N, C-alpha and C. Protein backbone atom coordinates (compact mmCIF):
# COMPACT_ATOMS: atom_id res chain seq x y z
N MET A 1 -10.19 8.29 13.26
CA MET A 1 -9.11 7.86 12.39
C MET A 1 -7.87 7.54 13.24
N ASN A 2 -7.23 6.47 12.91
CA ASN A 2 -6.04 5.98 13.59
C ASN A 2 -4.86 6.93 13.35
N GLU A 3 -3.95 7.01 14.32
CA GLU A 3 -2.77 7.89 14.19
C GLU A 3 -1.88 7.44 13.03
N ARG A 4 -1.77 6.15 12.82
CA ARG A 4 -0.96 5.65 11.69
C ARG A 4 -1.56 6.08 10.36
N ALA A 5 -2.87 6.03 10.26
CA ALA A 5 -3.55 6.46 9.04
C ALA A 5 -3.34 7.95 8.82
N ARG A 6 -3.42 8.72 9.88
CA ARG A 6 -3.21 10.16 9.79
C ARG A 6 -1.78 10.46 9.29
N ARG A 7 -0.81 9.73 9.84
CA ARG A 7 0.59 9.92 9.44
C ARG A 7 0.78 9.52 7.98
N PHE A 8 0.14 8.42 7.55
CA PHE A 8 0.22 7.99 6.16
C PHE A 8 -0.27 9.09 5.23
N ARG A 9 -1.42 9.68 5.58
CA ARG A 9 -1.97 10.76 4.76
C ARG A 9 -1.02 11.95 4.66
N GLN A 10 -0.39 12.30 5.77
CA GLN A 10 0.54 13.43 5.77
C GLN A 10 1.74 13.16 4.87
N VAL A 11 2.31 11.98 4.98
CA VAL A 11 3.48 11.64 4.17
C VAL A 11 3.09 11.56 2.69
N ALA A 12 1.95 10.95 2.39
CA ALA A 12 1.49 10.84 1.01
C ALA A 12 1.26 12.23 0.41
N ARG A 13 0.67 13.12 1.19
CA ARG A 13 0.42 14.48 0.72
C ARG A 13 1.74 15.19 0.42
N ALA A 14 2.72 15.01 1.31
CA ALA A 14 4.03 15.65 1.13
C ALA A 14 4.75 15.09 -0.10
N GLU A 15 4.66 13.78 -0.30
CA GLU A 15 5.33 13.16 -1.45
C GLU A 15 4.69 13.58 -2.77
N ASN A 16 3.39 13.78 -2.77
CA ASN A 16 2.69 14.09 -4.02
C ASN A 16 2.60 15.58 -4.32
N ARG A 17 2.92 16.42 -3.37
CA ARG A 17 2.99 17.88 -3.56
C ARG A 17 1.89 18.46 -4.46
N GLY A 18 0.67 18.21 -4.08
CA GLY A 18 -0.44 18.84 -4.78
C GLY A 18 -0.97 18.10 -6.00
N ARG A 19 -0.38 16.97 -6.34
CA ARG A 19 -0.90 16.19 -7.47
C ARG A 19 -2.27 15.64 -7.10
N THR A 20 -3.12 15.50 -8.08
CA THR A 20 -4.45 14.96 -7.83
C THR A 20 -4.80 13.91 -8.87
N GLY A 21 -5.83 13.14 -8.56
CA GLY A 21 -6.34 12.15 -9.50
C GLY A 21 -5.31 11.13 -9.93
N ARG A 22 -5.20 10.94 -11.23
CA ARG A 22 -4.30 9.93 -11.77
C ARG A 22 -2.82 10.28 -11.62
N ALA A 23 -2.52 11.49 -11.30
CA ALA A 23 -1.12 11.91 -11.15
C ALA A 23 -0.52 11.50 -9.81
N ILE A 24 -1.36 11.07 -8.87
CA ILE A 24 -0.87 10.68 -7.55
C ILE A 24 -0.09 9.38 -7.66
N ARG A 25 1.08 9.37 -7.06
CA ARG A 25 1.93 8.17 -7.02
C ARG A 25 2.31 7.90 -5.57
N TYR A 26 2.39 6.62 -5.24
CA TYR A 26 2.75 6.22 -3.88
C TYR A 26 4.08 5.47 -3.93
N SER A 27 5.01 5.86 -3.09
CA SER A 27 6.32 5.22 -3.05
C SER A 27 6.18 3.80 -2.52
N GLU A 28 7.19 3.00 -2.77
CA GLU A 28 7.21 1.62 -2.27
C GLU A 28 7.08 1.60 -0.74
N ARG A 29 7.74 2.53 -0.10
CA ARG A 29 7.69 2.62 1.37
C ARG A 29 6.26 2.88 1.85
N LEU A 30 5.54 3.78 1.17
CA LEU A 30 4.16 4.07 1.56
C LEU A 30 3.25 2.88 1.30
N ARG A 31 3.46 2.21 0.17
CA ARG A 31 2.64 1.03 -0.14
C ARG A 31 2.86 -0.06 0.91
N GLU A 32 4.11 -0.27 1.31
CA GLU A 32 4.40 -1.27 2.35
C GLU A 32 3.74 -0.89 3.67
N ALA A 33 3.77 0.39 4.00
CA ALA A 33 3.12 0.85 5.23
C ALA A 33 1.60 0.63 5.15
N ALA A 34 1.02 0.88 3.99
CA ALA A 34 -0.41 0.68 3.81
C ALA A 34 -0.78 -0.79 3.93
N VAL A 35 0.05 -1.67 3.38
CA VAL A 35 -0.21 -3.12 3.46
C VAL A 35 -0.12 -3.58 4.91
N THR A 36 0.90 -3.14 5.62
CA THR A 36 1.05 -3.51 7.03
C THR A 36 -0.16 -3.04 7.84
N PHE A 37 -0.56 -1.80 7.61
CA PHE A 37 -1.71 -1.23 8.30
C PHE A 37 -2.98 -2.02 7.95
N ALA A 38 -3.17 -2.31 6.66
CA ALA A 38 -4.37 -3.02 6.20
C ALA A 38 -4.44 -4.42 6.81
N ARG A 39 -3.33 -5.13 6.82
CA ARG A 39 -3.33 -6.48 7.39
C ARG A 39 -3.71 -6.45 8.87
N ARG A 40 -3.18 -5.49 9.60
CA ARG A 40 -3.48 -5.37 11.02
C ARG A 40 -4.97 -5.08 11.21
N GLU A 41 -5.49 -4.15 10.44
CA GLU A 41 -6.88 -3.74 10.59
C GLU A 41 -7.85 -4.84 10.14
N VAL A 42 -7.51 -5.55 9.07
CA VAL A 42 -8.36 -6.65 8.59
C VAL A 42 -8.44 -7.74 9.65
N SER A 43 -7.32 -7.99 10.34
CA SER A 43 -7.32 -9.01 11.39
C SER A 43 -8.25 -8.62 12.55
N HIS A 44 -8.57 -7.33 12.65
CA HIS A 44 -9.52 -6.85 13.67
C HIS A 44 -10.93 -6.72 13.12
N GLY A 45 -11.15 -7.22 11.89
CA GLY A 45 -12.49 -7.27 11.33
C GLY A 45 -12.91 -6.09 10.47
N ARG A 46 -12.00 -5.19 10.14
CA ARG A 46 -12.37 -4.04 9.31
C ARG A 46 -12.29 -4.39 7.83
N SER A 47 -13.10 -3.74 7.04
CA SER A 47 -13.10 -3.98 5.59
C SER A 47 -12.01 -3.16 4.91
N LEU A 48 -11.58 -3.62 3.74
CA LEU A 48 -10.58 -2.88 2.98
C LEU A 48 -11.11 -1.51 2.57
N SER A 49 -12.41 -1.41 2.32
CA SER A 49 -12.99 -0.12 1.95
C SER A 49 -12.84 0.90 3.08
N ALA A 50 -13.11 0.47 4.30
CA ALA A 50 -12.99 1.36 5.45
C ALA A 50 -11.53 1.74 5.68
N ILE A 51 -10.64 0.79 5.50
CA ILE A 51 -9.21 1.05 5.67
C ILE A 51 -8.73 2.04 4.62
N ALA A 52 -9.14 1.83 3.38
CA ALA A 52 -8.76 2.73 2.29
C ALA A 52 -9.27 4.14 2.55
N ARG A 53 -10.48 4.24 3.07
CA ARG A 53 -11.06 5.55 3.38
C ARG A 53 -10.21 6.26 4.44
N ASP A 54 -9.78 5.52 5.47
CA ASP A 54 -8.91 6.10 6.50
C ASP A 54 -7.59 6.58 5.92
N LEU A 55 -7.03 5.80 4.99
CA LEU A 55 -5.74 6.14 4.40
C LEU A 55 -5.86 7.22 3.32
N GLY A 56 -7.07 7.45 2.82
CA GLY A 56 -7.26 8.43 1.75
C GLY A 56 -6.82 7.90 0.40
N VAL A 57 -6.96 6.58 0.23
CA VAL A 57 -6.52 5.89 -0.99
C VAL A 57 -7.72 5.16 -1.57
N ALA A 58 -7.74 4.98 -2.89
CA ALA A 58 -8.83 4.24 -3.52
C ALA A 58 -8.81 2.78 -3.04
N PRO A 59 -9.98 2.22 -2.75
CA PRO A 59 -10.04 0.84 -2.26
C PRO A 59 -9.37 -0.18 -3.18
N ASN A 60 -9.48 0.02 -4.49
CA ASN A 60 -8.84 -0.94 -5.40
C ASN A 60 -7.32 -0.90 -5.30
N ASN A 61 -6.75 0.27 -4.97
CA ASN A 61 -5.30 0.36 -4.77
C ASN A 61 -4.87 -0.47 -3.56
N VAL A 62 -5.56 -0.31 -2.45
CA VAL A 62 -5.21 -1.05 -1.24
C VAL A 62 -5.35 -2.55 -1.50
N ALA A 63 -6.43 -2.96 -2.14
CA ALA A 63 -6.64 -4.38 -2.43
C ALA A 63 -5.51 -4.92 -3.31
N ARG A 64 -5.12 -4.16 -4.32
CA ARG A 64 -4.04 -4.59 -5.22
C ARG A 64 -2.71 -4.69 -4.48
N TRP A 65 -2.42 -3.72 -3.62
CA TRP A 65 -1.16 -3.73 -2.87
C TRP A 65 -1.11 -4.94 -1.94
N VAL A 66 -2.21 -5.23 -1.26
CA VAL A 66 -2.25 -6.38 -0.35
C VAL A 66 -2.09 -7.67 -1.15
N ARG A 67 -2.78 -7.78 -2.26
CA ARG A 67 -2.69 -8.97 -3.11
C ARG A 67 -1.27 -9.16 -3.64
N SER A 68 -0.64 -8.09 -4.09
CA SER A 68 0.72 -8.16 -4.62
C SER A 68 1.72 -8.53 -3.55
N ALA A 69 1.52 -8.04 -2.35
CA ALA A 69 2.44 -8.36 -1.25
C ALA A 69 2.32 -9.83 -0.85
N ARG A 70 1.16 -10.39 -1.07
CA ARG A 70 0.92 -11.78 -0.70
C ARG A 70 1.59 -12.75 -1.67
N SER A 71 1.49 -12.45 -2.95
CA SER A 71 2.04 -13.36 -3.96
C SER A 71 2.83 -12.56 -4.99
N PRO A 72 4.14 -12.56 -4.87
CA PRO A 72 4.95 -11.81 -5.83
C PRO A 72 4.78 -12.36 -7.24
N ARG A 73 4.91 -11.51 -8.21
CA ARG A 73 4.75 -11.91 -9.60
C ARG A 73 5.91 -12.77 -10.09
N PHE A 74 7.08 -12.48 -9.59
CA PHE A 74 8.27 -13.20 -10.03
C PHE A 74 8.97 -13.80 -8.83
N GLU A 75 9.62 -14.92 -9.07
CA GLU A 75 10.41 -15.54 -8.02
C GLU A 75 11.88 -15.34 -8.34
N LYS A 76 12.69 -15.20 -7.30
CA LYS A 76 14.12 -15.06 -7.50
C LYS A 76 14.68 -16.42 -7.93
N VAL A 77 15.56 -16.39 -8.89
CA VAL A 77 16.20 -17.61 -9.34
C VAL A 77 17.71 -17.44 -9.32
N ALA A 78 18.39 -18.54 -9.18
CA ALA A 78 19.84 -18.51 -9.24
C ALA A 78 20.26 -18.79 -10.68
N VAL A 79 21.12 -17.96 -11.20
CA VAL A 79 21.60 -18.13 -12.56
C VAL A 79 23.01 -18.69 -12.47
N THR A 80 23.17 -19.83 -13.11
CA THR A 80 24.51 -20.44 -13.12
C THR A 80 25.01 -20.52 -14.55
N ARG A 81 26.26 -20.62 -14.68
CA ARG A 81 26.87 -20.65 -16.01
C ARG A 81 27.34 -22.06 -16.30
N GLU A 82 26.84 -22.63 -17.37
CA GLU A 82 27.29 -23.95 -17.78
C GLU A 82 28.51 -23.82 -18.66
N VAL A 83 29.43 -24.68 -18.43
CA VAL A 83 30.67 -24.62 -19.21
C VAL A 83 30.73 -25.76 -20.18
């Protein structure tokens, strides 16, 4: 297991303080770290399943985070006031 993955698990465990199953929540910072890690590992030929296993996260979560980071749901718009 990679040192970054080990650190991710430690921080996630500390943030969740014993929560299990559906009660586990990942902060935006942790999700961004997971996406960065996943992109790096995928570029080296690893599967998302293997990456998720290293991170201790469900594979569908990692896939969703990577997909969301790639294409945001909303775009920023400028709001102007017509007079």
